[in-house]
Amino acid sequence: MTRVPRAVWIGFALVAGALAGATAGLLSAAGGVPVPLAILAGGGACGSTVALMLAVVRYATGDHP
């Protein structure tokens, strides 16, 4: 079985985080939340998604001590 390079997984997590952050920010702004708070919501969603994706990849690939 071929191992996928770590950079591919990190890129995948960053793209997923950016999409989740943009979606959360836009939905917050559309719901009437002030723009600065919508940006904070998007940033939180982005960071959480990236952290969760990297943790899941680490667990799924068995790349942990």
N, C-alpha and C. Protein backbone atom coordinates (compact mmCIF):
# COMPACT_ATOMS: atom_id res chain seq x y z
N MET A 1 0.85 -1.18 0.00
CA MET A 1 0.00 0.00 0.00
C MET A 1 0.90 1.25 0.00
N THR A 2 0.57 2.20 -0.81
CA THR A 2 1.36 3.42 -0.95
C THR A 2 0.98 4.41 0.14
N ARG A 3 1.99 4.97 0.79
CA ARG A 3 1.74 6.00 1.81
C ARG A 3 1.60 7.36 1.13
N VAL A 4 0.62 8.10 1.58
CA VAL A 4 0.39 9.45 1.06
C VAL A 4 1.30 10.41 1.81
N PRO A 5 2.00 11.29 1.11
CA PRO A 5 2.89 12.23 1.80
C PRO A 5 2.13 13.12 2.79
N ARG A 6 2.83 13.49 3.85
CA ARG A 6 2.21 14.30 4.91
C ARG A 6 1.71 15.64 4.38
N ALA A 7 2.42 16.20 3.41
CA ALA A 7 2.01 17.50 2.85
C ALA A 7 0.64 17.42 2.18
N VAL A 8 0.31 16.30 1.61
CA VAL A 8 -1.01 16.14 0.97
C VAL A 8 -2.11 16.19 2.03
N TRP A 9 -1.89 15.51 3.15
CA TRP A 9 -2.89 15.52 4.22
C TRP A 9 -3.04 16.92 4.82
N ILE A 10 -1.92 17.62 4.99
CA ILE A 10 -1.98 18.97 5.54
C ILE A 10 -2.72 19.90 4.57
N GLY A 11 -2.43 19.76 3.29
CA GLY A 11 -3.14 20.56 2.28
C GLY A 11 -4.63 20.28 2.27
N PHE A 12 -4.98 19.00 2.38
CA PHE A 12 -6.39 18.63 2.42
C PHE A 12 -7.07 19.24 3.65
N ALA A 13 -6.41 19.19 4.79
CA ALA A 13 -6.98 19.76 6.02
C ALA A 13 -7.13 21.28 5.90
N LEU A 14 -6.15 21.95 5.29
CA LEU A 14 -6.24 23.40 5.13
C LEU A 14 -7.35 23.81 4.18
N VAL A 15 -7.52 23.07 3.10
CA VAL A 15 -8.61 23.38 2.16
C VAL A 15 -9.96 23.16 2.84
N ALA A 16 -10.10 22.06 3.55
CA ALA A 16 -11.35 21.80 4.26
C ALA A 16 -11.61 22.87 5.31
N GLY A 17 -10.55 23.30 6.01
CA GLY A 17 -10.71 24.36 7.01
C GLY A 17 -11.12 25.68 6.39
N ALA A 18 -10.53 26.00 5.26
CA ALA A 18 -10.88 27.26 4.58
C ALA A 18 -12.33 27.23 4.12
N LEU A 19 -12.78 26.10 3.60
CA LEU A 19 -14.17 25.99 3.16
C LEU A 19 -15.13 26.09 4.35
N ALA A 20 -14.81 25.41 5.44
CA ALA A 20 -15.68 25.47 6.62
C ALA A 20 -15.69 26.87 7.22
N GLY A 21 -14.54 27.53 7.26
CA GLY A 21 -14.46 28.88 7.79
C GLY A 21 -15.23 29.88 6.96
N ALA A 22 -15.08 29.78 5.64
CA ALA A 22 -15.80 30.69 4.76
C ALA A 22 -17.31 30.48 4.87
N THR A 23 -17.71 29.22 4.94
CA THR A 23 -19.14 28.93 5.06
C THR A 23 -19.70 29.46 6.38
N ALA A 24 -18.98 29.23 7.47
CA ALA A 24 -19.45 29.71 8.78
C ALA A 24 -19.50 31.23 8.81
N GLY A 25 -18.49 31.89 8.26
CA GLY A 25 -18.49 33.35 8.24
C GLY A 25 -19.61 33.92 7.41
N LEU A 26 -19.82 33.35 6.23
CA LEU A 26 -20.89 33.85 5.36
C LEU A 26 -22.27 33.61 5.94
N LEU A 27 -22.47 32.44 6.52
CA LEU A 27 -23.77 32.16 7.13
C LEU A 27 -24.02 33.04 8.35
N SER A 28 -22.97 33.31 9.10
CA SER A 28 -23.12 34.21 10.25
C SER A 28 -23.49 35.62 9.80
N ALA A 29 -22.78 36.11 8.79
CA ALA A 29 -23.06 37.45 8.27
C ALA A 29 -24.47 37.51 7.68
N ALA A 30 -24.87 36.46 6.98
CA ALA A 30 -26.22 36.44 6.39
C ALA A 30 -27.30 36.37 7.46
N GLY A 31 -26.95 35.83 8.62
CA GLY A 31 -27.91 35.73 9.72
C GLY A 31 -28.04 36.98 10.55
N GLY A 32 -27.30 38.03 10.19
CA GLY A 32 -27.45 39.29 10.89
C GLY A 32 -26.37 39.57 11.93
N VAL A 33 -25.38 38.71 12.02
CA VAL A 33 -24.28 38.93 12.97
C VAL A 33 -23.38 40.02 12.38
N PRO A 34 -22.89 40.94 13.19
CA PRO A 34 -21.97 41.96 12.67
C PRO A 34 -20.74 41.31 12.02
N VAL A 35 -20.22 41.97 11.00
CA VAL A 35 -19.13 41.41 10.19
C VAL A 35 -17.91 41.02 11.02
N PRO A 36 -17.44 41.84 11.97
CA PRO A 36 -16.28 41.39 12.76
C PRO A 36 -16.53 40.09 13.53
N LEU A 37 -17.73 39.94 14.04
CA LEU A 37 -18.05 38.70 14.75
C LEU A 37 -18.21 37.52 13.78
N ALA A 38 -18.69 37.78 12.58
CA ALA A 38 -18.78 36.72 11.58
C ALA A 38 -17.39 36.25 11.17
N ILE A 39 -16.43 37.19 11.10
CA ILE A 39 -15.04 36.82 10.79
C ILE A 39 -14.48 35.95 11.91
N LEU A 40 -14.76 36.29 13.16
CA LEU A 40 -14.31 35.48 14.28
C LEU A 40 -14.93 34.08 14.24
N ALA A 41 -16.19 34.00 13.88
CA ALA A 41 -16.85 32.69 13.77
C ALA A 41 -16.20 31.85 12.67
N GLY A 42 -15.91 32.49 11.55
CA GLY A 42 -15.24 31.78 10.46
C GLY A 42 -13.85 31.31 10.83
N GLY A 43 -13.11 32.16 11.54
CA GLY A 43 -11.77 31.78 11.98
C GLY A 43 -11.80 30.62 12.96
N GLY A 44 -12.75 30.65 13.87
CA GLY A 44 -12.89 29.54 14.81
C GLY A 44 -13.25 28.24 14.12
N ALA A 45 -14.15 28.33 13.16
CA ALA A 45 -14.53 27.13 12.41
C ALA A 45 -13.36 26.59 11.61
N CYS A 46 -12.57 27.48 11.02
CA CYS A 46 -11.41 27.07 10.23
C CYS A 46 -10.39 26.35 11.12
N GLY A 47 -10.04 26.97 12.23
CA GLY A 47 -9.06 26.36 13.13
C GLY A 47 -9.52 25.03 13.69
N SER A 48 -10.78 24.96 14.06
CA SER A 48 -11.32 23.71 14.60
C SER A 48 -11.33 22.61 13.56
N THR A 49 -11.69 22.95 12.34
CA THR A 49 -11.73 21.96 11.28
C THR A 49 -10.34 21.43 10.96
N VAL A 50 -9.36 22.32 10.87
CA VAL A 50 -7.99 21.89 10.58
C VAL A 50 -7.49 20.97 11.70
N ALA A 51 -7.70 21.36 12.94
CA ALA A 51 -7.24 20.53 14.06
C ALA A 51 -7.92 19.16 14.07
N LEU A 52 -9.22 19.13 13.82
CA LEU A 52 -9.95 17.87 13.80
C LEU A 52 -9.49 16.99 12.64
N MET A 53 -9.32 17.59 11.46
CA MET A 53 -8.89 16.82 10.30
C MET A 53 -7.52 16.20 10.52
N LEU A 54 -6.58 16.98 11.06
CA LEU A 54 -5.24 16.45 11.29
C LEU A 54 -5.26 15.35 12.35
N ALA A 55 -6.09 15.49 13.37
CA ALA A 55 -6.20 14.44 14.39
C ALA A 55 -6.79 13.16 13.79
N VAL A 56 -7.80 13.29 12.96
CA VAL A 56 -8.42 12.12 12.33
C VAL A 56 -7.44 11.44 11.38
N VAL A 57 -6.69 12.23 10.61
CA VAL A 57 -5.71 11.65 9.69
C VAL A 57 -4.63 10.92 10.47
N ARG A 58 -4.18 11.53 11.55
CA ARG A 58 -3.13 10.88 12.36
C ARG A 58 -3.64 9.56 12.93
N TYR A 59 -4.86 9.54 13.39
CA TYR A 59 -5.43 8.32 13.92
C TYR A 59 -5.65 7.27 12.83
N ALA A 60 -6.20 7.70 11.70
CA ALA A 60 -6.56 6.77 10.64
C ALA A 60 -5.34 6.15 9.96
N THR A 61 -4.26 6.89 9.88
CA THR A 61 -3.07 6.37 9.21
C THR A 61 -2.16 5.60 10.16
N GLY A 62 -2.44 5.63 11.44
CA GLY A 62 -1.61 4.92 12.40
C GLY A 62 -0.27 5.58 12.61
N ASP A 63 -0.17 6.87 12.32
CA ASP A 63 1.09 7.60 12.42
C ASP A 63 1.22 8.26 13.79
N HIS A 64 1.13 7.45 14.84
CA HIS A 64 1.26 7.97 16.19
C HIS A 64 2.01 6.95 17.05
N PRO A 65 2.60 7.42 18.13
CA PRO A 65 3.41 6.51 18.95
C PRO A 65 2.60 5.47 19.69
